[in-house]
Amino acid sequence: MNTDLDEKLVALYLAGDETALQSLVRKHTTGVYNFVAQLVGYGQNAEDVSQEAFIKAWKSLKKFDLDKKFKPWLYRIARNSAIDFLRQRKATVPLVNTYDDEEVNEADYVVDPEPLPLEQAISSETKEAIQKLVNSLPSIYSTVLKLYYLEEFSLPEIAEILNESIDTVKSKHRRALIKLRELVSEDRNLAKN
């Protein structure tokens, strides 16, 4: 069995400890909200979809495989909840762009509330410029970058969340970085900073 805290909390909850579930929800509320908000927009919709994701996770927790990681499992539920919401609202912005590479994801880019030391050293203007460039990428690429760099998921975890093969995710990650490098070299404002 995995020894990570999340999996321990799940095991405790399944053994009857209700406070373990509360700890899991508290630990992941902000991350799930930010992830969902990138897909459905900020505000009440993101709150509703996040809450729905936690309810679905709670109802399915008895089926959770303790040998797997909890966080990718939860984010996959959140992703599916967001897709269900978008389908119900007949929204046209897909989570993962399966269409033309030129389609752009206009979702807001969320910055981790506790930046790493390297992030603290980068000027806020540079951060803004990078955020705009990431947002200008097709959603098939920006989603992978956001999950990898903001949410700090591994590539195998991203593959699980997006329900894609690891090779597909690796390819999208590599292409996203290539496209981002091209955009950075074209962006004169970023180059000056």
N, C-alpha and C. Protein backbone atom coordinates (compact mmCIF):
# COMPACT_ATOMS: atom_id res chain seq x y z
N MET A 1 0.84 -1.18 0.00
CA MET A 1 0.00 0.00 0.00
C MET A 1 0.88 1.24 0.00
N ASN A 2 0.44 2.27 -0.68
CA ASN A 2 1.13 3.54 -0.75
C ASN A 2 1.18 4.18 0.63
N THR A 3 2.28 4.85 0.96
CA THR A 3 2.41 5.41 2.30
C THR A 3 2.16 6.91 2.34
N ASP A 4 1.66 7.49 1.29
CA ASP A 4 1.39 8.93 1.27
C ASP A 4 0.26 9.28 2.22
N LEU A 5 0.29 10.52 2.68
CA LEU A 5 -0.70 11.00 3.65
C LEU A 5 -2.13 10.86 3.13
N ASP A 6 -2.36 11.21 1.86
CA ASP A 6 -3.72 11.10 1.31
C ASP A 6 -4.25 9.68 1.43
N GLU A 7 -3.43 8.73 1.05
CA GLU A 7 -3.87 7.35 1.08
C GLU A 7 -4.09 6.87 2.52
N LYS A 8 -3.27 7.38 3.44
CA LYS A 8 -3.47 7.05 4.86
C LYS A 8 -4.80 7.62 5.36
N LEU A 9 -5.09 8.85 4.95
CA LEU A 9 -6.36 9.46 5.35
C LEU A 9 -7.55 8.69 4.77
N VAL A 10 -7.43 8.24 3.53
CA VAL A 10 -8.50 7.44 2.93
C VAL A 10 -8.69 6.16 3.73
N ALA A 11 -7.59 5.50 4.06
CA ALA A 11 -7.68 4.25 4.84
C ALA A 11 -8.32 4.50 6.20
N LEU A 12 -7.95 5.61 6.84
CA LEU A 12 -8.57 5.95 8.13
C LEU A 12 -10.07 6.20 7.98
N TYR A 13 -10.44 6.91 6.93
CA TYR A 13 -11.86 7.18 6.70
C TYR A 13 -12.62 5.87 6.47
N LEU A 14 -12.05 5.01 5.65
CA LEU A 14 -12.71 3.73 5.37
C LEU A 14 -12.82 2.87 6.63
N ALA A 15 -11.94 3.11 7.59
CA ALA A 15 -11.99 2.39 8.87
C ALA A 15 -12.95 3.06 9.86
N GLY A 16 -13.58 4.16 9.44
CA GLY A 16 -14.60 4.79 10.28
C GLY A 16 -14.25 6.15 10.85
N ASP A 17 -13.09 6.68 10.54
CA ASP A 17 -12.67 7.98 11.07
C ASP A 17 -13.17 9.11 10.17
N GLU A 18 -14.27 9.75 10.57
CA GLU A 18 -14.89 10.83 9.78
C GLU A 18 -13.98 12.05 9.65
N THR A 19 -13.14 12.29 10.66
CA THR A 19 -12.25 13.47 10.60
C THR A 19 -11.21 13.32 9.49
N ALA A 20 -10.89 12.10 9.11
CA ALA A 20 -9.93 11.88 8.02
C ALA A 20 -10.50 12.43 6.71
N LEU A 21 -11.80 12.24 6.50
CA LEU A 21 -12.43 12.77 5.29
C LEU A 21 -12.40 14.30 5.31
N GLN A 22 -12.68 14.88 6.46
CA GLN A 22 -12.63 16.34 6.58
C GLN A 22 -11.22 16.86 6.27
N SER A 23 -10.22 16.15 6.72
CA SER A 23 -8.83 16.54 6.44
C SER A 23 -8.52 16.47 4.95
N LEU A 24 -8.99 15.42 4.30
CA LEU A 24 -8.79 15.29 2.85
C LEU A 24 -9.45 16.44 2.10
N VAL A 25 -10.67 16.75 2.46
CA VAL A 25 -11.40 17.83 1.78
C VAL A 25 -10.69 19.16 2.02
N ARG A 26 -10.32 19.43 3.25
CA ARG A 26 -9.60 20.70 3.55
C ARG A 26 -8.30 20.79 2.76
N LYS A 27 -7.59 19.69 2.70
CA LYS A 27 -6.29 19.68 2.03
C LYS A 27 -6.42 19.97 0.53
N HIS A 28 -7.50 19.51 -0.09
CA HIS A 28 -7.60 19.59 -1.55
C HIS A 28 -8.62 20.61 -2.06
N THR A 29 -9.33 21.29 -1.18
CA THR A 29 -10.37 22.22 -1.61
C THR A 29 -9.84 23.29 -2.55
N THR A 30 -8.79 23.97 -2.18
CA THR A 30 -8.26 25.07 -2.99
C THR A 30 -7.75 24.57 -4.34
N GLY A 31 -6.99 23.49 -4.33
CA GLY A 31 -6.45 22.94 -5.57
C GLY A 31 -7.53 22.49 -6.53
N VAL A 32 -8.54 21.80 -6.02
CA VAL A 32 -9.63 21.34 -6.88
C VAL A 32 -10.41 22.54 -7.41
N TYR A 33 -10.67 23.51 -6.56
CA TYR A 33 -11.38 24.71 -7.00
C TYR A 33 -10.61 25.40 -8.13
N ASN A 34 -9.31 25.62 -7.94
CA ASN A 34 -8.50 26.29 -8.96
C ASN A 34 -8.47 25.50 -10.27
N PHE A 35 -8.35 24.19 -10.16
CA PHE A 35 -8.34 23.34 -11.34
C PHE A 35 -9.67 23.43 -12.08
N VAL A 36 -10.76 23.31 -11.36
CA VAL A 36 -12.10 23.38 -11.96
C VAL A 36 -12.35 24.77 -12.54
N ALA A 37 -11.90 25.80 -11.83
CA ALA A 37 -12.12 27.18 -12.29
C ALA A 37 -11.44 27.45 -13.62
N GLN A 38 -10.33 26.78 -13.87
CA GLN A 38 -9.67 26.93 -15.16
C GLN A 38 -10.54 26.39 -16.29
N LEU A 39 -11.45 25.51 -15.95
CA LEU A 39 -12.28 24.85 -16.96
C LEU A 39 -13.65 25.48 -17.11
N VAL A 40 -14.24 25.91 -16.00
CA VAL A 40 -15.63 26.42 -16.05
C VAL A 40 -15.73 27.90 -15.71
N GLY A 41 -14.61 28.52 -15.34
CA GLY A 41 -14.62 29.92 -14.94
C GLY A 41 -14.72 30.03 -13.43
N TYR A 42 -14.30 31.17 -12.93
CA TYR A 42 -14.28 31.39 -11.49
C TYR A 42 -15.66 31.78 -10.97
N GLY A 43 -15.85 31.64 -9.67
CA GLY A 43 -17.09 32.06 -9.06
C GLY A 43 -17.97 30.89 -8.69
N GLN A 44 -19.27 31.14 -8.73
CA GLN A 44 -20.24 30.16 -8.26
C GLN A 44 -20.18 28.85 -9.04
N ASN A 45 -19.98 28.92 -10.36
CA ASN A 45 -19.90 27.69 -11.15
C ASN A 45 -18.76 26.80 -10.67
N ALA A 46 -17.61 27.40 -10.44
CA ALA A 46 -16.45 26.62 -9.97
C ALA A 46 -16.72 26.04 -8.58
N GLU A 47 -17.35 26.82 -7.73
CA GLU A 47 -17.68 26.32 -6.39
C GLU A 47 -18.64 25.14 -6.47
N ASP A 48 -19.67 25.27 -7.31
CA ASP A 48 -20.66 24.20 -7.46
C ASP A 48 -20.02 22.93 -8.02
N VAL A 49 -19.20 23.08 -9.06
CA VAL A 49 -18.57 21.91 -9.68
C VAL A 49 -17.57 21.27 -8.71
N SER A 50 -16.83 22.09 -7.97
CA SER A 50 -15.90 21.55 -6.97
C SER A 50 -16.64 20.75 -5.91
N GLN A 51 -17.73 21.31 -5.43
CA GLN A 51 -18.53 20.62 -4.42
C GLN A 51 -19.07 19.31 -4.98
N GLU A 52 -19.55 19.34 -6.20
CA GLU A 52 -20.07 18.13 -6.85
C GLU A 52 -18.96 17.08 -6.97
N ALA A 53 -17.76 17.52 -7.30
CA ALA A 53 -16.63 16.59 -7.42
C ALA A 53 -16.33 15.92 -6.08
N PHE A 54 -16.35 16.69 -5.00
CA PHE A 54 -16.10 16.11 -3.69
C PHE A 54 -17.21 15.14 -3.28
N ILE A 55 -18.44 15.46 -3.63
CA ILE A 55 -19.55 14.56 -3.32
C ILE A 55 -19.39 13.25 -4.09
N LYS A 56 -19.06 13.35 -5.37
CA LYS A 56 -18.84 12.14 -6.18
C LYS A 56 -17.68 11.32 -5.62
N ALA A 57 -16.61 12.01 -5.23
CA ALA A 57 -15.46 11.30 -4.66
C ALA A 57 -15.85 10.59 -3.37
N TRP A 58 -16.58 11.29 -2.51
CA TRP A 58 -17.02 10.71 -1.25
C TRP A 58 -17.87 9.46 -1.50
N LYS A 59 -18.79 9.55 -2.47
CA LYS A 59 -19.66 8.40 -2.77
C LYS A 59 -18.87 7.23 -3.35
N SER A 60 -17.75 7.51 -4.01
CA SER A 60 -16.96 6.46 -4.66
C SER A 60 -15.77 6.01 -3.83
N LEU A 61 -15.57 6.61 -2.69
CA LEU A 61 -14.38 6.35 -1.89
C LEU A 61 -14.23 4.88 -1.49
N LYS A 62 -15.34 4.21 -1.29
CA LYS A 62 -15.27 2.79 -0.90
C LYS A 62 -14.67 1.93 -2.02
N LYS A 63 -14.73 2.43 -3.26
CA LYS A 63 -14.18 1.70 -4.40
C LYS A 63 -12.73 2.09 -4.69
N PHE A 64 -12.21 3.08 -3.96
CA PHE A 64 -10.86 3.58 -4.22
C PHE A 64 -9.82 2.50 -3.94
N ASP A 65 -8.88 2.33 -4.87
CA ASP A 65 -7.79 1.36 -4.73
C ASP A 65 -6.66 2.02 -3.94
N LEU A 66 -6.42 1.55 -2.73
CA LEU A 66 -5.42 2.15 -1.85
C LEU A 66 -3.99 2.02 -2.38
N ASP A 67 -3.78 1.21 -3.40
CA ASP A 67 -2.46 1.10 -4.01
C ASP A 67 -2.20 2.22 -5.01
N LYS A 68 -3.23 2.99 -5.31
CA LYS A 68 -3.10 4.10 -6.26
C LYS A 68 -3.01 5.41 -5.49
N LYS A 69 -2.65 6.45 -6.21
CA LYS A 69 -2.57 7.79 -5.59
C LYS A 69 -3.95 8.43 -5.58
N PHE A 70 -4.26 9.07 -4.47
CA PHE A 70 -5.56 9.70 -4.29
C PHE A 70 -5.73 10.96 -5.13
N LYS A 71 -4.71 11.81 -5.16
CA LYS A 71 -4.84 13.12 -5.79
C LYS A 71 -5.20 13.03 -7.29
N PRO A 72 -4.52 12.21 -8.09
CA PRO A 72 -4.93 12.11 -9.50
C PRO A 72 -6.35 11.56 -9.64
N TRP A 73 -6.72 10.64 -8.75
CA TRP A 73 -8.07 10.08 -8.78
C TRP A 73 -9.10 11.19 -8.52
N LEU A 74 -8.83 12.03 -7.52
CA LEU A 74 -9.73 13.13 -7.19
C LEU A 74 -9.81 14.14 -8.34
N TYR A 75 -8.68 14.48 -8.92
CA TYR A 75 -8.67 15.46 -10.01
C TYR A 75 -9.36 14.92 -11.26
N ARG A 76 -9.29 13.63 -11.47
CA ARG A 76 -10.01 13.04 -12.60
C ARG A 76 -11.52 13.18 -12.37
N ILE A 77 -11.96 12.95 -11.16
CA ILE A 77 -13.37 13.15 -10.82
C ILE A 77 -13.75 14.61 -11.03
N ALA A 78 -12.87 15.52 -10.60
CA ALA A 78 -13.13 16.96 -10.78
C ALA A 78 -13.20 17.31 -12.27
N ARG A 79 -12.30 16.76 -13.05
CA ARG A 79 -12.31 17.00 -14.50
C ARG A 79 -13.61 16.51 -15.10
N ASN A 80 -14.00 15.30 -14.75
CA ASN A 80 -15.25 14.75 -15.30
C ASN A 80 -16.46 15.55 -14.84
N SER A 81 -16.44 16.05 -13.62
CA SER A 81 -17.53 16.90 -13.14
C SER A 81 -17.60 18.19 -13.93
N ALA A 82 -16.44 18.77 -14.25
CA ALA A 82 -16.40 19.99 -15.05
C ALA A 82 -16.92 19.73 -16.46
N ILE A 83 -16.54 18.60 -17.03
CA ILE A 83 -17.03 18.25 -18.37
C ILE A 83 -18.54 18.07 -18.34
N ASP A 84 -19.05 17.38 -17.32
CA ASP A 84 -20.50 17.22 -17.18
C ASP A 84 -21.19 18.57 -17.09
N PHE A 85 -20.62 19.48 -16.30
CA PHE A 85 -21.19 20.81 -16.15
C PHE A 85 -21.21 21.54 -17.49
N LEU A 86 -20.10 21.49 -18.21
CA LEU A 86 -20.03 22.17 -19.51
C LEU A 86 -21.02 21.58 -20.51
N ARG A 87 -21.18 20.27 -20.47
CA ARG A 87 -22.16 19.64 -21.36
C ARG A 87 -23.58 20.10 -21.01
N GLN A 88 -23.87 20.16 -19.72
CA GLN A 88 -25.21 20.59 -19.29
C GLN A 88 -25.47 22.02 -19.69
N ARG A 89 -24.46 22.84 -19.66
CA ARG A 89 -24.62 24.26 -20.01
C ARG A 89 -24.39 24.51 -21.50
N LYS A 90 -24.12 23.42 -22.21
CA LYS A 90 -23.86 23.48 -23.65
C LYS A 90 -22.74 24.47 -23.96
N ALA A 91 -21.72 24.44 -23.12
CA ALA A 91 -20.56 25.31 -23.32
C ALA A 91 -19.74 24.81 -24.50
N THR A 92 -19.01 25.70 -25.10
CA THR A 92 -18.23 25.34 -26.28
C THR A 92 -16.74 25.24 -26.02
N VAL A 93 -16.30 25.54 -24.80
CA VAL A 93 -14.87 25.48 -24.50
C VAL A 93 -14.55 24.09 -23.96
N PRO A 94 -13.83 23.25 -24.74
CA PRO A 94 -13.51 21.91 -24.25
C PRO A 94 -12.33 21.94 -23.28
N LEU A 95 -12.30 20.97 -22.36
CA LEU A 95 -11.16 20.85 -21.44
C LEU A 95 -9.91 20.50 -22.23
N VAL A 96 -10.01 19.48 -23.04
CA VAL A 96 -8.88 19.06 -23.84
C VAL A 96 -9.27 19.26 -25.28
N ASN A 97 -8.50 20.05 -25.98
CA ASN A 97 -8.79 20.39 -27.36
C ASN A 97 -8.51 19.19 -28.25
N THR A 98 -9.56 18.64 -28.83
CA THR A 98 -9.38 17.53 -29.75
C THR A 98 -9.59 18.00 -31.18
N TYR A 99 -9.64 19.31 -31.36
CA TYR A 99 -9.89 19.88 -32.67
C TYR A 99 -8.61 20.46 -33.24
N ASP A 100 -8.74 21.57 -33.91
CA ASP A 100 -7.64 22.25 -34.56
C ASP A 100 -6.66 22.80 -33.52
N ASP A 101 -5.38 22.66 -33.79
CA ASP A 101 -4.35 23.15 -32.86
C ASP A 101 -4.39 24.65 -32.67
N GLU A 102 -5.08 25.37 -33.53
CA GLU A 102 -5.11 26.82 -33.43
C GLU A 102 -6.13 27.32 -32.41
N GLU A 103 -7.03 26.45 -31.94
CA GLU A 103 -8.01 26.86 -30.95
C GLU A 103 -7.30 27.16 -29.64
N VAL A 104 -7.69 28.23 -29.00
CA VAL A 104 -6.99 28.70 -27.81
C VAL A 104 -7.88 28.56 -26.58
N ASN A 105 -7.29 28.12 -25.48
CA ASN A 105 -8.00 28.05 -24.21
C ASN A 105 -7.91 29.42 -23.55
N GLU A 106 -9.04 30.04 -23.28
CA GLU A 106 -9.07 31.38 -22.72
C GLU A 106 -9.25 31.37 -21.21
N ALA A 107 -9.14 30.18 -20.60
CA ALA A 107 -9.36 30.08 -19.15
C ALA A 107 -8.29 30.86 -18.40
N ASP A 108 -8.65 31.32 -17.21
CA ASP A 108 -7.68 32.04 -16.39
C ASP A 108 -6.58 31.09 -15.93
N TYR A 109 -5.41 31.63 -15.77
CA TYR A 109 -4.25 30.90 -15.31
C TYR A 109 -4.08 31.18 -13.82
N VAL A 110 -3.98 30.14 -13.04
CA VAL A 110 -3.93 30.31 -11.59
C VAL A 110 -2.51 30.12 -11.10
N VAL A 111 -2.05 31.03 -10.26
CA VAL A 111 -0.72 30.94 -9.69
C VAL A 111 -0.83 30.32 -8.30
N ASP A 112 0.06 29.39 -8.01
CA ASP A 112 0.09 28.75 -6.70
C ASP A 112 0.24 29.83 -5.62
N PRO A 113 -0.61 29.81 -4.58
CA PRO A 113 -0.54 30.84 -3.55
C PRO A 113 0.78 30.87 -2.78
N GLU A 114 1.52 29.78 -2.77
CA GLU A 114 2.81 29.75 -2.08
C GLU A 114 3.90 29.51 -3.12
N PRO A 115 4.44 30.60 -3.68
CA PRO A 115 5.43 30.45 -4.75
C PRO A 115 6.74 29.84 -4.25
N LEU A 116 7.40 29.14 -5.14
CA LEU A 116 8.71 28.58 -4.86
C LEU A 116 9.74 29.70 -4.86
N PRO A 117 10.91 29.50 -4.26
CA PRO A 117 11.92 30.57 -4.23
C PRO A 117 12.26 31.11 -5.62
N LEU A 118 12.36 30.23 -6.61
CA LEU A 118 12.65 30.69 -7.96
C LEU A 118 11.54 31.59 -8.47
N GLU A 119 10.30 31.20 -8.18
CA GLU A 119 9.17 32.01 -8.62
C GLU A 119 9.19 33.39 -7.96
N GLN A 120 9.64 33.45 -6.71
CA GLN A 120 9.70 34.73 -6.01
C GLN A 120 10.72 35.65 -6.65
N ALA A 121 11.75 35.07 -7.25
CA ALA A 121 12.80 35.87 -7.86
C ALA A 121 12.38 36.45 -9.21
N ILE A 122 11.43 35.84 -9.84
CA ILE A 122 10.97 36.32 -11.15
C ILE A 122 10.05 37.51 -10.93
N SER A 123 10.25 38.54 -11.71
CA SER A 123 9.42 39.74 -11.56
C SER A 123 7.96 39.43 -11.86
N SER A 124 7.08 40.19 -11.25
CA SER A 124 5.65 39.97 -11.48
C SER A 124 5.28 40.26 -12.93
N GLU A 125 5.98 41.18 -13.57
CA GLU A 125 5.72 41.47 -14.98
C GLU A 125 6.08 40.26 -15.84
N THR A 126 7.18 39.61 -15.53
CA THR A 126 7.58 38.43 -16.27
C THR A 126 6.58 37.31 -16.06
N LYS A 127 6.12 37.14 -14.81
CA LYS A 127 5.11 36.12 -14.52
C LYS A 127 3.86 36.36 -15.33
N GLU A 128 3.41 37.61 -15.36
CA GLU A 128 2.21 37.95 -16.13
C GLU A 128 2.39 37.62 -17.60
N ALA A 129 3.55 37.96 -18.13
CA ALA A 129 3.82 37.69 -19.54
C ALA A 129 3.82 36.19 -19.82
N ILE A 130 4.42 35.41 -18.92
CA ILE A 130 4.44 33.95 -19.09
C ILE A 130 3.03 33.39 -19.01
N GLN A 131 2.24 33.89 -18.05
CA GLN A 131 0.86 33.43 -17.91
C GLN A 131 0.07 33.68 -19.19
N LYS A 132 0.24 34.86 -19.75
CA LYS A 132 -0.47 35.18 -21.00
C LYS A 132 -0.04 34.26 -22.12
N LEU A 133 1.25 33.97 -22.19
CA LEU A 133 1.75 33.08 -23.23
C LEU A 133 1.21 31.66 -23.06
N VAL A 134 1.19 31.17 -21.82
CA VAL A 134 0.64 29.83 -21.57
C VAL A 134 -0.83 29.80 -21.95
N ASN A 135 -1.57 30.85 -21.59
CA ASN A 135 -2.99 30.90 -21.92
C ASN A 135 -3.23 31.01 -23.41
N SER A 136 -2.25 31.51 -24.15
CA SER A 136 -2.43 31.64 -25.59
C SER A 136 -2.17 30.32 -26.32
N LEU A 137 -1.61 29.35 -25.62
CA LEU A 137 -1.39 28.03 -26.22
C LEU A 137 -2.73 27.33 -26.42
N PRO A 138 -2.81 26.43 -27.40
CA PRO A 138 -4.02 25.60 -27.52
C PRO A 138 -4.25 24.84 -26.21
N SER A 139 -5.50 24.63 -25.87
CA SER A 139 -5.82 24.03 -24.57
C SER A 139 -5.22 22.65 -24.38
N ILE A 140 -4.97 21.91 -25.48
CA ILE A 140 -4.36 20.59 -25.32
C ILE A 140 -2.97 20.71 -24.72
N TYR A 141 -2.33 21.85 -24.91
CA TYR A 141 -1.00 22.07 -24.36
C TYR A 141 -1.05 22.81 -23.02
N SER A 142 -1.88 23.83 -22.94
CA SER A 142 -1.91 24.62 -21.70
C SER A 142 -2.41 23.79 -20.52
N THR A 143 -3.34 22.89 -20.76
CA THR A 143 -3.84 22.03 -19.68
C THR A 143 -2.72 21.18 -19.09
N VAL A 144 -1.92 20.59 -19.96
CA VAL A 144 -0.81 19.75 -19.49
C VAL A 144 0.21 20.58 -18.72
N LEU A 145 0.54 21.77 -19.23
CA LEU A 145 1.51 22.63 -18.53
C LEU A 145 0.98 23.06 -17.17
N LYS A 146 -0.29 23.41 -17.10
CA LYS A 146 -0.86 23.86 -15.83
C LYS A 146 -0.88 22.72 -14.81
N LEU A 147 -1.26 21.53 -15.25
CA LEU A 147 -1.27 20.39 -14.32
C LEU A 147 0.14 20.05 -13.85
N TYR A 148 1.11 20.15 -14.76
CA TYR A 148 2.48 19.78 -14.42
C TYR A 148 3.16 20.83 -13.55
N TYR A 149 3.08 22.09 -13.95
CA TYR A 149 3.84 23.12 -13.25
C TYR A 149 3.08 23.80 -12.12
N LEU A 150 1.78 23.95 -12.25
CA LEU A 150 1.01 24.58 -11.18
C LEU A 150 0.56 23.59 -10.13
N GLU A 151 -0.04 22.51 -10.60
CA GLU A 151 -0.57 21.51 -9.66
C GLU A 151 0.48 20.47 -9.26
N GLU A 152 1.62 20.48 -9.94
CA GLU A 152 2.75 19.61 -9.64
C GLU A 152 2.42 18.12 -9.74
N PHE A 153 1.63 17.77 -10.75
CA PHE A 153 1.37 16.36 -11.03
C PHE A 153 2.51 15.81 -11.87
N SER A 154 2.79 14.54 -11.71
CA SER A 154 3.76 13.88 -12.58
C SER A 154 3.09 13.60 -13.92
N LEU A 155 3.88 13.29 -14.94
CA LEU A 155 3.30 12.98 -16.25
C LEU A 155 2.39 11.75 -16.19
N PRO A 156 2.76 10.68 -15.47
CA PRO A 156 1.83 9.55 -15.36
C PRO A 156 0.51 9.93 -14.67
N GLU A 157 0.58 10.81 -13.68
CA GLU A 157 -0.64 11.26 -13.00
C GLU A 157 -1.50 12.09 -13.95
N ILE A 158 -0.87 12.93 -14.77
CA ILE A 158 -1.62 13.72 -15.75
C ILE A 158 -2.29 12.80 -16.75
N ALA A 159 -1.58 11.76 -17.17
CA ALA A 159 -2.16 10.79 -18.10
C ALA A 159 -3.42 10.16 -17.50
N GLU A 160 -3.35 9.86 -16.22
CA GLU A 160 -4.51 9.27 -15.53
C GLU A 160 -5.66 10.28 -15.46
N ILE A 161 -5.36 11.53 -15.11
CA ILE A 161 -6.39 12.56 -15.00
C ILE A 161 -7.07 12.80 -16.34
N LEU A 162 -6.27 12.88 -17.41
CA LEU A 162 -6.82 13.19 -18.73
C LEU A 162 -7.30 11.96 -19.48
N ASN A 163 -7.09 10.79 -18.87
CA ASN A 163 -7.50 9.54 -19.48
C ASN A 163 -6.83 9.35 -20.84
N GLU A 164 -5.53 9.59 -20.86
CA GLU A 164 -4.73 9.46 -22.08
C GLU A 164 -3.50 8.61 -21.76
N SER A 165 -2.85 8.11 -22.80
CA SER A 165 -1.65 7.32 -22.58
C SER A 165 -0.51 8.23 -22.12
N ILE A 166 0.44 7.66 -21.43
CA ILE A 166 1.59 8.43 -20.96
C ILE A 166 2.37 8.99 -22.14
N ASP A 167 2.46 8.24 -23.23
CA ASP A 167 3.18 8.73 -24.41
C ASP A 167 2.50 9.95 -25.01
N THR A 168 1.17 9.96 -25.02
CA THR A 168 0.43 11.12 -25.52
C THR A 168 0.70 12.34 -24.65
N VAL A 169 0.67 12.15 -23.34
CA VAL A 169 0.91 13.26 -22.41
C VAL A 169 2.35 13.76 -22.54
N LYS A 170 3.32 12.85 -22.65
CA LYS A 170 4.71 13.27 -22.83
C LYS A 170 4.87 14.08 -24.11
N SER A 171 4.22 13.63 -25.17
CA SER A 171 4.28 14.34 -26.44
C SER A 171 3.67 15.73 -26.33
N LYS A 172 2.51 15.82 -25.68
CA LYS A 172 1.86 17.12 -25.50
C LYS A 172 2.73 18.04 -24.64
N HIS A 173 3.35 17.49 -23.60
CA HIS A 173 4.21 18.29 -22.73
C HIS A 173 5.41 18.83 -23.53
N ARG A 174 6.04 17.96 -24.30
CA ARG A 174 7.19 18.37 -25.10
C ARG A 174 6.79 19.43 -26.12
N ARG A 175 5.69 19.19 -26.84
CA ARG A 175 5.22 20.16 -27.84
C ARG A 175 4.83 21.48 -27.19
N ALA A 176 4.23 21.41 -26.01
CA ALA A 176 3.83 22.63 -25.31
C ALA A 176 5.06 23.47 -24.97
N LEU A 177 6.11 22.81 -24.49
CA LEU A 177 7.33 23.55 -24.16
C LEU A 177 7.98 24.15 -25.40
N ILE A 178 7.95 23.42 -26.50
CA ILE A 178 8.50 23.95 -27.76
C ILE A 178 7.71 25.17 -28.19
N LYS A 179 6.38 25.06 -28.17
CA LYS A 179 5.53 26.19 -28.56
C LYS A 179 5.73 27.38 -27.62
N LEU A 180 5.86 27.09 -26.33
CA LEU A 180 6.06 28.16 -25.36
C LEU A 180 7.40 28.85 -25.59
N ARG A 181 8.45 28.07 -25.88
CA ARG A 181 9.76 28.67 -26.18
C ARG A 181 9.67 29.58 -27.41
N GLU A 182 8.94 29.12 -28.43
CA GLU A 182 8.76 29.94 -29.63
C GLU A 182 8.06 31.25 -29.28
N LEU A 183 7.02 31.16 -28.47
CA LEU A 183 6.29 32.37 -28.08
C LEU A 183 7.16 33.31 -27.25
N VAL A 184 7.96 32.74 -26.36
CA VAL A 184 8.83 33.56 -25.52
C VAL A 184 9.85 34.30 -26.38
N SER A 185 10.43 33.60 -27.35
CA SER A 185 11.43 34.25 -28.19
C SER A 185 10.80 35.34 -29.06
N GLU A 186 9.52 35.21 -29.38
CA GLU A 186 8.82 36.22 -30.17
C GLU A 186 8.37 37.40 -29.32
N ASP A 187 8.19 37.18 -28.05
CA ASP A 187 7.64 38.22 -27.19
C ASP A 187 8.74 39.18 -26.74
N ARG A 188 8.77 40.34 -27.30
CA ARG A 188 9.83 41.33 -27.01
C ARG A 188 9.75 41.83 -25.57
N ASN A 189 8.55 41.98 -25.03
CA ASN A 189 8.41 42.48 -23.67
C ASN A 189 9.03 41.53 -22.66
N LEU A 190 8.83 40.23 -22.86
CA LEU A 190 9.38 39.25 -21.94
C LEU A 190 10.90 39.21 -22.07
N ALA A 191 11.40 39.32 -23.28
CA ALA A 191 12.85 39.26 -23.51
C ALA A 191 13.58 40.42 -22.84
N LYS A 192 12.91 41.58 -22.69
CA LYS A 192 13.54 42.75 -22.07
C LYS A 192 13.68 42.59 -20.57
N ASN A 193 12.82 41.77 -19.96
CA ASN A 193 12.83 41.65 -18.48
C ASN A 193 13.90 40.75 -18.02
